[in-house]
């Protein structure tokens, strides 16, 4: 009875702490100028968070998305078996768990700032949950014509294919070309949710088209009035004519089936009727692609050939006898090494269970293997992968009791507390890990990244520097320090570190960091020099070597 009453009191306090602060959310489909608007709001004095995703080669001015919010969205989508490329291919997860994480996040942001904003395109996939926890606070939507979004989404990911290697390339980069209608279906899925939400809560929404945003200098006044937040309305607009491209490609339209195009047109027309700020003309500016040159066609044939060869070279998997995996299957294994391997191999089955059923299983494993560190640590890692963070904490806490000197387990435990926005606990455990291995560069970086979220970059630059000095020839240590210098604006120091370091300069991650720094230093930097280096590196390591460089040359609307 006491616990139930305590829970009710805590819920009421959270509700009160959320309601007293105006906290607008800003969202829009990818490549709709949300980053530009949020940069404007940031310059006008609105807090966007304490640990922001920095700019890189795809967005040199920065996304200004708070990592805490991004993690909540990523985890919600992962629990549903999807990612940001959601296009109604799966059911979205239940609201209760998402709302609990959102409430904790909002309370944390309220404690840091009297007024704040959060921005992420994926917000639209959880709009109902955000609306429930934010109550009367405002929602701002940026709309962009579907073909323009699709074209520039393809352009961004062509560059990602050119720069990225490994699992991310296979998971994200090629999907838009393997499924030509995927980007358009993403636009539909996101914007149908916009439309439904706007119809349900019209008074809580401000809808602006991309053209209206670029052409209207009074947007800050409107947002200041709607939120009752005292923005610096004289802040100059960040929109640069040289960066604004307002073209729709006939190629994007022509590769889609007629029924899908009709649905896209109809939804766009409906959305325009809901706009608060729009241009005098929202007619799409269609342009035909430039006729391909002989060099382009040669590169395209090489690109297609590389893709076909790589697909044909994949070994055909032998059919395996399906074995039904149950929770009892894990408990039946007696040998410790086999059980750890079995967890890693079949841990995804945990996603089929709810937290209550899985909680009983975890307790059984703890009771049976209460003195075996490896089993409990592996179980904790698998539970984290399945997004059962509190059960993972339980497993790791028992593992640490068995082997309290294992400092890395403390870092894992601190990560869980951080994901659950239990800030004080996370800080205590990170510091506990570092106290056990003061000369471990990895632990210094983990603590620095955590503190950066809540104290800002300036407070932790010395931590990043110390980690680098402890292990200067470690690639990950170098990249962490260079990224901190990048965020601090000290581009030349970061470039000097890379040039003078003993790490492999041909490593793709090092190449990407150097590329990012050079583009920040000079946005007009000729990227092809380093892209050639990437291709040379990939050609002897990846079947996609020739494919990646040719994507940079292809008119992606045709590809």
Protein backbone atom coordinates (compact mmCIF):
# COMPACT_ATOMS: atom_id res chain seq x y z
CA UNK A 1 0.00 0.00 0.00
CA UNK A 2 2.82 2.39 0.93
CA UNK A 3 4.67 1.72 -2.35
CA UNK A 4 1.49 2.32 -4.34
CA UNK A 5 0.92 5.65 -2.59
CA UNK A 6 4.56 6.63 -3.12
CA UNK A 7 4.28 5.85 -6.83
CA UNK A 8 1.16 8.02 -7.12
CA UNK A 9 2.91 10.92 -5.39
CA UNK A 10 5.97 10.61 -7.67
CA UNK A 11 3.72 10.51 -10.75
CA UNK A 12 1.90 13.64 -9.57
CA UNK A 13 5.20 15.45 -8.97
CA UNK A 14 6.46 14.52 -12.44
CA UNK A 15 3.18 15.78 -13.95
CA UNK A 16 3.52 19.10 -12.07
CA UNK A 17 7.19 19.53 -12.99
CA UNK A 18 6.37 18.96 -16.66
CA UNK A 19 3.36 21.27 -16.80
CA UNK A 20 4.91 24.41 -15.32
CA UNK A 21 7.38 24.90 -18.21
CA UNK A 22 6.67 25.68 -21.85
CA UNK A 23 8.78 23.25 -23.88
CA UNK A 24 8.02 23.25 -27.59
CA UNK A 25 8.96 20.37 -29.84
CA UNK A 26 10.07 20.89 -33.41
CA UNK A 27 9.96 18.21 -36.05
CA UNK A 28 9.59 17.56 -39.75
CA UNK A 29 10.54 14.92 -42.24
CA UNK A 30 14.24 14.46 -42.96
CA UNK A 31 15.80 17.13 -45.22
CA UNK A 32 13.00 19.64 -44.51
CA UNK A 33 15.15 22.48 -43.02
CA UNK A 34 14.42 21.57 -39.38
CA UNK A 35 18.13 21.90 -38.58
CA UNK A 36 18.25 25.40 -40.04
CA UNK A 37 15.23 26.53 -38.01
CA UNK A 38 16.54 25.02 -34.81
CA UNK A 39 19.89 26.77 -35.35
CA UNK A 40 17.94 30.02 -35.62
CA UNK A 41 16.06 29.31 -32.37
CA UNK A 42 19.34 28.38 -30.68
CA UNK A 43 20.94 31.65 -31.79
CA UNK A 44 17.82 33.45 -30.49
CA UNK A 45 18.46 32.10 -26.99
CA UNK A 46 16.43 28.88 -26.76
CA UNK A 47 18.15 25.92 -25.09
CA UNK A 48 18.36 22.83 -27.30
CA UNK A 49 20.05 20.52 -24.80
CA UNK A 50 23.41 19.97 -23.17
CA UNK A 51 24.76 17.19 -25.41
CA UNK A 52 23.99 18.02 -29.02
CA UNK A 53 24.81 15.99 -32.11
CA UNK A 54 27.47 18.04 -33.91
CA UNK A 55 27.57 18.82 -37.61
CA UNK A 56 29.44 16.64 -40.04
CA UNK A 57 29.87 16.22 -43.79
CA UNK A 58 26.11 15.87 -44.34
CA UNK A 59 25.15 18.88 -42.23
CA UNK A 60 28.10 21.15 -41.52
CA UNK A 61 26.17 23.57 -39.28
CA UNK A 62 24.93 20.87 -36.93
CA UNK A 63 21.68 18.99 -36.24
CA UNK A 64 21.22 20.40 -32.70
CA UNK A 65 19.47 17.21 -31.61
CA UNK A 66 19.91 16.33 -27.94
CA UNK A 67 21.43 12.87 -27.55
CA UNK A 68 19.17 11.96 -24.64
CA UNK A 69 16.10 12.49 -26.81
CA UNK A 70 17.65 10.70 -29.80
CA UNK A 71 18.44 7.66 -27.64
CA UNK A 72 14.82 7.45 -26.47
CA UNK A 73 13.55 7.49 -30.05
CA UNK A 74 16.17 5.02 -31.28
CA UNK A 75 15.39 2.59 -28.47
CA UNK A 76 11.63 2.84 -29.06
CA UNK A 77 12.09 2.07 -32.76
CA UNK A 78 14.53 -0.73 -31.98
CA UNK A 79 12.02 -2.33 -29.63
CA UNK A 80 9.53 -2.28 -32.50
CA UNK A 81 12.03 -4.02 -34.78
CA UNK A 82 12.65 -1.01 -37.01
CA UNK A 83 14.70 2.21 -37.22
CA UNK A 84 14.32 5.77 -38.51
CA UNK A 85 13.47 4.30 -41.93
CA UNK A 86 10.11 3.21 -40.50
CA UNK A 87 7.44 3.13 -43.23
CA UNK A 88 4.56 1.34 -41.49
CA UNK A 89 6.40 -1.94 -41.99
CA UNK A 90 5.89 -2.92 -38.31
CA UNK A 91 3.62 -2.00 -35.43
CA UNK A 92 4.97 0.76 -33.21
CA UNK A 93 5.63 -0.26 -29.57
CA UNK A 94 3.18 0.35 -26.75
CA UNK A 95 2.90 3.84 -25.32
CA UNK A 96 3.45 3.19 -21.60
CA UNK A 97 7.18 2.45 -21.71
CA UNK A 98 7.92 5.31 -24.11
CA UNK A 99 5.97 7.77 -21.97
CA UNK A 100 7.93 6.74 -18.87
CA UNK A 101 11.24 7.49 -20.59
CA UNK A 102 9.88 10.75 -22.03
CA UNK A 103 8.66 11.91 -18.59
CA UNK A 104 12.11 11.28 -17.09
CA UNK A 105 13.76 13.12 -19.99
CA UNK A 106 11.43 16.12 -19.73
CA UNK A 107 11.92 16.46 -15.97
CA UNK A 108 15.68 16.40 -16.53
CA UNK A 109 15.48 19.13 -19.20
CA UNK A 110 13.21 21.24 -16.96
CA UNK A 111 15.86 21.09 -14.23
CA UNK A 112 18.50 22.45 -16.61
CA UNK A 113 16.59 25.31 -18.21
CA UNK A 114 13.52 27.50 -17.63
CA UNK A 115 12.51 27.08 -21.27
CA UNK A 116 13.84 24.71 -23.88
CA UNK A 117 13.11 23.03 -27.20
CA UNK A 118 13.70 19.55 -28.55
CA UNK A 119 14.09 18.65 -32.21
CA UNK A 120 14.28 15.30 -33.99
CA UNK A 121 12.50 14.10 -37.17
CA UNK A 122 11.65 10.85 -35.36
CA UNK A 123 9.49 12.74 -32.87
CA UNK A 124 6.63 12.43 -35.34
CA UNK A 125 6.66 8.64 -34.92
CA UNK A 126 5.93 9.09 -31.20
CA UNK A 127 3.76 12.22 -31.39
CA UNK A 128 0.91 10.82 -29.31
CA UNK A 129 3.26 9.95 -26.45
CA UNK A 130 4.95 13.36 -26.57
CA UNK A 131 1.54 15.05 -26.56
CA UNK A 132 0.49 13.05 -23.51
CA UNK A 133 3.49 14.03 -21.38
CA UNK A 134 3.89 17.63 -22.62
CA UNK A 135 0.20 18.48 -22.19
CA UNK A 136 -0.42 22.00 -23.54
CA UNK A 137 3.03 22.78 -24.88
CA UNK A 138 3.45 23.61 -28.56
CA UNK A 139 4.34 21.48 -31.57
CA UNK A 140 6.02 22.99 -34.61
CA UNK A 141 6.07 21.17 -37.93
CA UNK A 142 8.16 21.97 -41.00
CA UNK A 143 6.77 20.67 -44.29
CA UNK A 144 8.64 20.17 -47.53
CA UNK A 145 7.30 18.91 -50.82
CA UNK A 146 7.77 15.16 -51.02
CA UNK A 147 9.94 15.01 -54.15
CA UNK A 148 12.42 17.54 -52.76
CA UNK A 149 12.73 15.55 -49.53
CA UNK A 150 13.25 12.30 -51.43
CA UNK A 151 15.84 13.78 -53.78
CA UNK A 152 17.96 15.27 -51.01
CA UNK A 153 17.57 12.24 -48.79
CA UNK A 154 18.99 10.16 -51.62
CA UNK A 155 21.74 12.71 -52.10
CA UNK A 156 22.70 12.53 -48.42
CA UNK A 157 22.80 8.76 -48.40
CA UNK A 158 24.76 8.55 -51.62
CA UNK A 159 27.45 10.47 -49.80
CA UNK A 160 27.08 8.15 -46.83
CA UNK A 161 27.62 5.17 -49.12
CA UNK A 162 30.72 6.91 -50.43
CA UNK A 163 32.09 7.59 -46.95
CA UNK A 164 30.82 4.71 -44.82
CA UNK A 165 31.98 1.11 -44.69
CA UNK A 166 30.94 -2.03 -42.82
CA UNK A 167 27.56 -2.86 -41.36
CA UNK A 168 26.17 0.67 -41.58
CA UNK A 169 26.73 0.68 -45.34
CA UNK A 170 24.84 -2.58 -45.77
CA UNK A 171 22.12 -1.67 -43.24
CA UNK A 172 21.26 1.85 -44.40
CA UNK A 173 23.25 3.06 -47.37
CA UNK A 174 22.03 0.72 -50.06
CA UNK A 175 18.43 0.34 -48.92
CA UNK A 176 17.20 3.32 -50.89
CA UNK A 177 18.50 1.83 -54.13
CA UNK A 178 17.47 -1.71 -53.39
CA UNK A 179 13.92 -0.39 -52.73
CA UNK A 180 13.38 2.58 -55.09
CA UNK A 181 10.11 3.62 -53.41
CA UNK A 182 11.43 3.42 -49.83
CA UNK A 183 12.19 7.14 -49.36
CA UNK A 184 8.77 8.15 -50.71
CA UNK A 185 7.03 5.67 -48.41
CA UNK A 186 8.97 7.10 -45.46
CA UNK A 187 7.64 10.55 -46.35
CA UNK A 188 4.11 9.17 -46.45
CA UNK A 189 4.40 7.38 -43.10
CA UNK A 190 5.81 10.40 -41.30
CA UNK A 191 3.46 12.95 -42.84
CA UNK A 192 0.30 10.86 -42.37
CA UNK A 193 1.09 11.07 -38.66
CA UNK A 194 1.56 14.82 -38.97
CA UNK A 195 -1.82 15.12 -40.63
CA UNK A 196 -3.59 12.96 -38.06
CA UNK A 197 -2.03 14.86 -35.14
CA UNK A 198 -2.77 18.30 -36.62
CA UNK A 199 -6.41 17.30 -37.13
CA UNK A 200 -6.64 16.11 -33.52
CA UNK A 201 -4.81 19.03 -31.84
CA UNK A 202 -5.04 22.03 -34.20
CA UNK A 203 -4.64 24.63 -31.44
CA UNK A 204 -1.37 23.09 -30.30
CA UNK A 205 0.29 23.06 -33.73
CA UNK A 206 2.17 25.61 -35.83
CA UNK A 207 2.77 24.40 -39.38
CA UNK A 208 5.32 26.05 -41.66
CA UNK A 209 6.41 25.07 -45.16
CA UNK A 210 10.07 25.13 -46.03
CA UNK A 211 9.54 27.89 -48.58
CA UNK A 212 7.52 29.90 -46.08
CA UNK A 213 10.31 29.51 -43.52
CA UNK A 214 12.99 30.77 -45.91
CA UNK A 215 10.93 33.68 -47.24
CA UNK A 216 9.37 34.89 -43.96
CA UNK A 217 11.57 36.90 -41.62
CA UNK A 218 8.86 37.13 -38.94
CA UNK A 219 8.94 33.44 -38.01
CA UNK A 220 10.74 34.14 -34.71
CA UNK A 221 8.04 36.61 -33.71
CA UNK A 222 5.37 34.02 -34.44
CA UNK A 223 7.13 31.29 -32.47
CA UNK A 224 7.83 33.65 -29.58
CA UNK A 225 4.14 34.57 -29.44
CA UNK A 226 2.92 30.98 -29.71
CA UNK A 227 5.25 29.66 -26.98
CA UNK A 228 5.29 32.75 -24.74
CA UNK A 229 9.08 32.36 -24.67
CA UNK A 230 11.10 35.57 -24.84
CA UNK A 231 13.19 34.91 -27.95
CA UNK A 232 15.67 37.45 -29.32
CA UNK A 233 13.51 38.28 -32.32
CA UNK A 234 16.17 40.44 -34.00
CA UNK A 235 18.42 37.39 -34.47
CA UNK A 236 19.35 37.22 -38.18
CA UNK A 237 18.05 34.32 -40.22
CA UNK A 238 20.60 31.53 -40.79
CA UNK A 239 19.28 30.69 -44.24
CA UNK A 240 21.84 31.19 -46.97
CA UNK A 241 20.68 31.43 -50.56
CA UNK A 242 23.70 29.43 -51.72
CA UNK A 243 22.72 26.49 -49.52
CA UNK A 244 18.98 26.51 -50.21
CA UNK A 245 18.01 24.24 -53.09
CA UNK A 246 14.34 24.12 -53.99
CA UNK A 247 14.19 21.69 -56.87
CA UNK A 248 12.12 18.57 -57.35
CA UNK A 249 13.38 15.93 -59.72
CA UNK A 250 11.27 14.43 -62.47
CA UNK A 251 13.44 11.33 -62.13
CA UNK A 252 12.29 10.79 -58.54
CA UNK A 253 8.67 11.09 -59.60
CA UNK A 254 8.98 8.91 -62.69
CA UNK A 255 10.44 5.84 -60.95
CA UNK A 256 7.39 5.55 -58.66
CA UNK A 257 4.17 3.74 -59.50
CA UNK A 258 1.19 5.98 -60.34
CA UNK A 259 -0.89 5.02 -57.29
CA UNK A 260 1.93 5.99 -54.94
CA UNK A 261 2.50 9.32 -56.72
CA UNK A 262 -1.22 10.09 -56.48
CA UNK A 263 -1.19 9.37 -52.76
CA UNK A 264 1.84 11.64 -52.28
CA UNK A 265 0.19 14.50 -54.19
CA UNK A 266 -3.08 14.17 -52.25
CA UNK A 267 -1.40 14.17 -48.84
CA UNK A 268 0.71 17.20 -49.76
CA UNK A 269 -2.42 19.09 -50.82
CA UNK A 270 -4.12 18.24 -47.51
CA UNK A 271 -1.09 19.36 -45.49
CA UNK A 272 -0.99 22.72 -47.27
CA UNK A 273 -4.51 23.47 -46.01
CA UNK A 274 -3.19 23.29 -42.42
CA UNK A 275 -0.27 25.69 -42.81
CA UNK A 276 0.18 28.79 -40.66
CA UNK A 277 3.14 30.07 -42.71
CA UNK A 278 3.55 29.28 -46.38
CA UNK A 279 4.84 30.80 -49.57
CA UNK A 280 2.57 32.56 -52.05
CA UNK A 281 3.37 29.69 -54.39
CA UNK A 282 4.00 26.15 -53.23
CA UNK A 283 4.02 24.75 -56.77
CA UNK A 284 6.91 22.27 -57.05
CA UNK A 285 9.87 23.39 -59.14
CA UNK A 286 10.45 20.30 -61.27
CA UNK A 287 13.67 19.97 -63.26
CA UNK A 288 14.74 17.21 -65.59
CA UNK A 289 18.11 15.56 -64.96
CA UNK A 290 21.07 16.59 -67.07
CA UNK A 291 21.72 14.17 -69.92
CA UNK A 292 24.43 11.76 -68.73
CA UNK A 293 27.88 11.97 -70.27
CA UNK A 294 29.84 9.00 -71.61
CA UNK A 295 31.99 9.04 -68.45
CA UNK A 296 28.89 9.00 -66.28
CA UNK A 297 27.42 6.05 -68.18
CA UNK A 298 30.69 4.16 -67.89
CA UNK A 299 30.79 4.76 -64.14
CA UNK A 300 27.14 3.79 -63.81
CA UNK A 301 27.75 0.48 -65.63
CA UNK A 302 30.70 -0.20 -63.33
CA UNK A 303 28.51 0.62 -60.36
CA UNK A 304 25.74 -1.71 -61.51
CA UNK A 305 28.25 -4.43 -62.37
CA UNK A 306 29.91 -4.18 -58.96
CA UNK A 307 26.56 -4.49 -57.25
CA UNK A 308 25.50 -7.50 -59.34
CA UNK A 309 28.85 -9.23 -58.85
CA UNK A 310 28.79 -8.59 -55.11
CA UNK A 311 25.27 -9.99 -54.85
CA UNK A 312 26.14 -13.06 -56.90
CA UNK A 313 29.26 -13.65 -54.81
CA UNK A 314 27.30 -13.97 -51.62
CA UNK A 315 27.31 -17.60 -50.47
CA UNK A 316 23.92 -19.24 -50.55
CA UNK A 317 22.93 -20.21 -47.05
CA UNK A 318 22.17 -23.85 -46.40
CA UNK A 319 18.71 -24.42 -45.00
CA UNK A 320 18.88 -24.94 -41.27
CA UNK A 321 16.59 -27.05 -39.19
CA UNK A 322 14.49 -24.62 -37.18
CA UNK A 323 14.68 -25.14 -33.43
CA UNK A 324 12.13 -23.45 -31.21
CA UNK A 325 13.93 -21.39 -28.59
CA UNK A 326 12.19 -20.87 -25.26
CA UNK A 327 13.34 -19.43 -21.95
CA UNK A 328 13.52 -22.98 -20.62
CA UNK A 329 16.03 -23.75 -23.40
CA UNK A 330 18.53 -21.45 -21.67
CA UNK A 331 17.93 -22.89 -18.23
CA UNK A 332 18.45 -26.45 -19.51
CA UNK A 333 22.11 -25.75 -20.41
CA UNK A 334 24.56 -26.73 -17.68
CA UNK A 335 27.98 -25.91 -19.18
CA UNK A 336 28.90 -22.29 -18.55
CA UNK A 337 30.77 -21.68 -21.80
CA UNK A 338 27.89 -23.13 -23.81
CA UNK A 339 25.35 -20.98 -21.97
CA UNK A 340 27.26 -17.74 -22.61
CA UNK A 341 27.49 -18.62 -26.31
CA UNK A 342 23.80 -19.58 -26.37
CA UNK A 343 22.84 -16.20 -24.89
CA UNK A 344 24.77 -14.39 -27.60
CA UNK A 345 23.41 -16.57 -30.36
CA UNK A 346 19.73 -16.63 -29.38
CA UNK A 347 19.32 -13.59 -27.13
CA UNK A 348 17.02 -11.87 -29.65
CA UNK A 349 14.28 -14.25 -28.52
CA UNK A 350 13.96 -12.05 -25.40
CA UNK A 351 12.16 -9.44 -27.51
CA UNK A 352 9.19 -11.78 -27.74
CA UNK A 353 8.52 -11.53 -23.99
CA UNK A 354 7.27 -8.73 -21.76
CA UNK A 355 9.27 -7.40 -18.83
CA UNK A 356 7.24 -9.34 -16.25
CA UNK A 357 7.82 -12.78 -17.81
CA UNK A 358 11.44 -12.03 -18.54
CA UNK A 359 11.97 -10.75 -15.00
CA UNK A 360 11.13 -14.17 -13.56
CA UNK A 361 13.53 -15.82 -15.99
CA UNK A 362 16.37 -13.43 -15.09
CA UNK A 363 15.89 -14.19 -11.41
CA UNK A 364 16.06 -17.94 -12.17
CA UNK A 365 19.36 -17.46 -14.02
CA UNK A 366 20.75 -15.40 -11.13
CA UNK A 367 19.68 -18.06 -8.62
CA UNK A 368 21.24 -20.86 -10.67
CA UNK A 369 24.50 -19.12 -11.67
CA UNK A 370 24.85 -16.73 -8.73
CA UNK A 371 28.63 -17.16 -8.55
CA UNK A 372 29.48 -17.16 -12.29
CA UNK A 373 30.48 -13.69 -13.46
CA UNK A 374 30.68 -14.41 -17.20
CA UNK A 375 27.14 -15.82 -17.42
CA UNK A 376 25.59 -12.84 -15.65
CA UNK A 377 27.67 -10.27 -17.57
CA UNK A 378 26.74 -11.82 -20.93
CA UNK A 379 23.08 -11.97 -19.86
CA UNK A 380 23.24 -8.26 -18.97
CA UNK A 381 24.70 -7.40 -22.38
CA UNK A 382 22.01 -9.41 -24.21
CA UNK A 383 19.25 -7.80 -22.14
CA UNK A 384 20.65 -4.39 -23.06
CA UNK A 385 20.54 -5.37 -26.73
CA UNK A 386 16.87 -6.26 -26.27
CA UNK A 387 16.24 -2.88 -24.52
CA UNK A 388 15.36 -4.36 -21.11
CA UNK A 389 17.59 -1.89 -19.28
CA UNK A 390 16.36 -2.37 -15.73
CA UNK A 391 16.70 -6.17 -15.99
CA UNK A 392 20.18 -5.67 -17.47
CA UNK A 393 21.06 -3.52 -14.45
CA UNK A 394 19.91 -6.32 -12.15
CA UNK A 395 22.12 -8.84 -13.94
CA UNK A 396 25.17 -6.55 -13.95
CA UNK A 397 24.76 -5.66 -10.28
CA UNK A 398 24.93 -9.35 -9.37
CA UNK A 399 27.93 -9.80 -11.69
CA UNK A 400 29.78 -6.95 -9.96
CA UNK A 401 29.18 -8.53 -6.55
CA UNK A 402 31.03 -11.62 -7.85
CA UNK A 403 33.91 -9.67 -9.37
CA UNK A 404 34.02 -6.14 -7.86
CA UNK A 405 37.44 -5.47 -9.39
CA UNK A 406 36.02 -5.71 -12.96
CA UNK A 407 35.92 -1.99 -13.77
CA UNK A 408 34.39 -2.35 -17.25
CA UNK A 409 31.21 -3.73 -15.67
CA UNK A 410 30.82 -0.49 -13.76
CA UNK A 411 30.93 1.44 -17.05
CA UNK A 412 28.22 -0.81 -18.49
CA UNK A 413 26.11 -0.30 -15.37
CA UNK A 414 26.61 3.47 -15.54
CA UNK A 415 25.52 3.44 -19.20
CA UNK A 416 22.23 1.83 -18.16
CA UNK A 417 21.59 4.42 -15.45
CA UNK A 418 22.36 7.15 -17.99
CA UNK A 419 19.88 5.67 -20.50
CA UNK A 420 17.24 5.65 -17.76
CA UNK A 421 18.19 9.28 -16.96
CA UNK A 422 19.20 8.36 -13.41
CA UNK A 423 21.89 11.02 -13.50
CA UNK A 424 23.26 10.90 -9.95
CA UNK A 425 23.54 7.11 -9.98
CA UNK A 426 25.22 7.17 -13.38
CA UNK A 427 27.76 9.77 -12.27
CA UNK A 428 28.58 7.82 -9.11
CA UNK A 429 29.14 4.55 -11.00
CA UNK A 430 31.21 6.16 -13.80
CA UNK A 431 33.48 7.71 -11.15
CA UNK A 432 33.64 4.37 -9.35
CA UNK A 433 34.88 2.71 -12.55
CA UNK A 434 37.52 5.39 -13.10
CA UNK A 435 38.73 5.14 -9.50
CA UNK A 436 39.56 1.48 -10.13
CA UNK A 437 41.68 2.21 -13.23
CA UNK A 438 42.86 5.82 -13.19
CA UNK A 439 45.14 5.29 -16.19
CA UNK A 440 42.48 3.76 -18.44
CA UNK A 441 41.81 6.19 -21.31
CA UNK A 442 38.51 4.48 -22.16
CA UNK A 443 37.09 5.21 -18.69
CA UNK A 444 38.17 8.86 -18.88
CA UNK A 445 36.34 9.19 -22.21
CA UNK A 446 33.20 7.46 -20.88
CA UNK A 447 33.05 9.82 -17.90
CA UNK A 448 33.79 12.87 -20.09
CA UNK A 449 30.99 12.04 -22.55
CA UNK A 450 28.56 11.56 -19.69
CA UNK A 451 29.50 14.82 -17.95
CA UNK A 452 29.33 16.70 -21.24
CA UNK A 453 25.58 16.02 -21.42
CA UNK A 454 24.94 17.74 -18.13
CA UNK A 455 27.80 20.21 -17.68
CA UNK A 456 28.71 21.23 -21.22
CA UNK A 457 31.82 20.68 -23.31
CA UNK A 458 34.04 23.31 -21.66
CA UNK A 459 33.84 21.48 -18.34
CA UNK A 460 35.22 18.23 -19.75
CA UNK A 461 37.80 19.23 -22.39
CA UNK A 462 40.58 18.45 -19.91
CA UNK A 463 39.15 14.91 -19.50
CA UNK A 464 39.32 14.27 -23.25
CA UNK A 465 42.85 15.67 -23.36
CA UNK A 466 43.96 13.48 -20.45
CA UNK A 467 42.51 10.39 -22.14
CA UNK A 468 44.43 11.23 -25.32
CA UNK A 469 47.69 11.74 -23.44
CA UNK A 470 47.25 8.37 -21.72
CA UNK A 471 46.88 6.50 -25.03
CA UNK A 472 47.79 8.80 -27.91
CA UNK A 473 48.25 6.05 -30.48
CA UNK A 474 44.82 4.52 -29.89
CA UNK A 475 42.45 5.36 -32.75
CA UNK A 476 39.34 5.62 -30.57
CA UNK A 477 41.06 7.90 -28.07
CA UNK A 478 42.33 10.14 -30.86
CA UNK A 479 38.89 10.35 -32.51
CA UNK A 480 37.14 11.16 -29.21
CA UNK A 481 39.53 14.06 -28.54
CA UNK A 482 39.35 15.30 -32.14
CA UNK A 483 35.56 15.24 -32.00
CA UNK A 484 35.62 17.29 -28.78
CA UNK A 485 37.97 19.81 -30.43
CA UNK A 486 35.64 19.88 -33.45
CA UNK A 487 32.66 20.72 -31.24
CA UNK A 488 34.73 23.38 -29.48
CA UNK A 489 35.62 24.94 -32.84
CA UNK A 490 39.35 24.25 -32.57
CA UNK A 491 39.58 22.68 -36.02
CA UNK A 492 43.27 23.26 -36.66
CA UNK A 493 44.35 21.60 -33.40
CA UNK A 494 42.30 18.52 -34.30
CA UNK A 495 43.83 18.38 -37.79
CA UNK A 496 47.30 18.70 -36.28
CA UNK A 497 46.60 15.79 -33.92
CA UNK A 498 45.55 13.55 -36.81
CA UNK A 499 48.50 14.56 -38.97
CA UNK A 500 51.01 14.01 -36.15
CA UNK A 501 49.49 10.85 -34.68
CA UNK A 502 50.78 7.32 -35.13
CA UNK A 503 47.37 5.85 -36.03
CA UNK A 504 46.63 4.38 -39.45
CA UNK A 505 45.78 7.41 -41.63
CA UNK A 506 43.96 5.13 -44.11
CA UNK A 507 41.51 3.91 -41.50
CA UNK A 508 38.00 4.86 -42.76
CA UNK A 509 37.04 6.41 -39.41
CA UNK A 510 40.17 8.56 -39.37
CA UNK A 511 39.53 9.59 -42.99
CA UNK A 512 35.96 10.59 -42.14
CA UNK A 513 37.06 12.65 -39.12
CA UNK A 514 39.68 14.46 -41.20
CA UNK A 515 37.10 15.03 -43.92
CA UNK A 516 34.64 16.44 -41.40
CA UNK A 517 37.28 18.82 -40.02
CA UNK A 518 38.32 20.04 -43.47
CA UNK A 519 34.72 20.68 -44.47
CA UNK A 520 34.12 22.64 -41.26
CA UNK A 521 37.22 24.66 -41.97
CA UNK A 522 36.20 25.27 -45.59
CA UNK A 523 32.71 24.17 -46.78
CA UNK A 524 33.92 24.47 -50.38
CA UNK A 525 36.67 21.89 -49.78
CA UNK A 526 37.00 19.53 -52.73
CA UNK A 527 35.82 16.21 -51.31
CA UNK A 528 36.93 14.09 -54.25
CA UNK A 529 40.54 13.97 -53.05
CA UNK A 530 39.68 12.03 -49.93
CA UNK A 531 36.92 10.06 -51.65
CA UNK A 532 39.60 8.67 -53.94
CA UNK A 533 41.54 7.61 -50.83
CA UNK A 534 38.47 5.87 -49.49
CA UNK A 535 37.95 4.03 -52.75
CA UNK A 536 41.56 2.91 -52.85
CA UNK A 537 41.23 1.64 -49.28
CA UNK A 538 37.95 -0.14 -49.96
CA UNK A 539 38.95 -1.77 -53.23
CA UNK A 540 41.11 -4.36 -51.51
CA UNK A 541 38.80 -4.84 -48.52
CA UNK A 542 35.20 -4.54 -49.67
CA UNK A 543 33.12 -5.77 -52.57
CA UNK A 544 31.48 -2.34 -52.54
CA UNK A 545 34.72 -0.49 -53.28
CA UNK A 546 33.92 0.59 -56.82
CA UNK A 547 30.25 0.95 -55.99
CA UNK A 548 30.84 3.58 -53.32
CA UNK A 549 32.84 6.00 -55.44
CA UNK A 550 30.47 5.75 -58.37
CA UNK A 551 27.51 6.69 -56.22
CA UNK A 552 29.16 10.10 -55.84
CA UNK A 553 28.92 10.56 -59.62
CA UNK A 554 25.43 9.23 -60.20
CA UNK A 555 22.38 11.49 -60.49
CA UNK A 556 20.72 9.74 -57.60
CA UNK A 557 17.22 10.32 -58.86
CA UNK A 558 18.06 7.98 -61.75
CA UNK A 559 19.96 5.38 -59.74
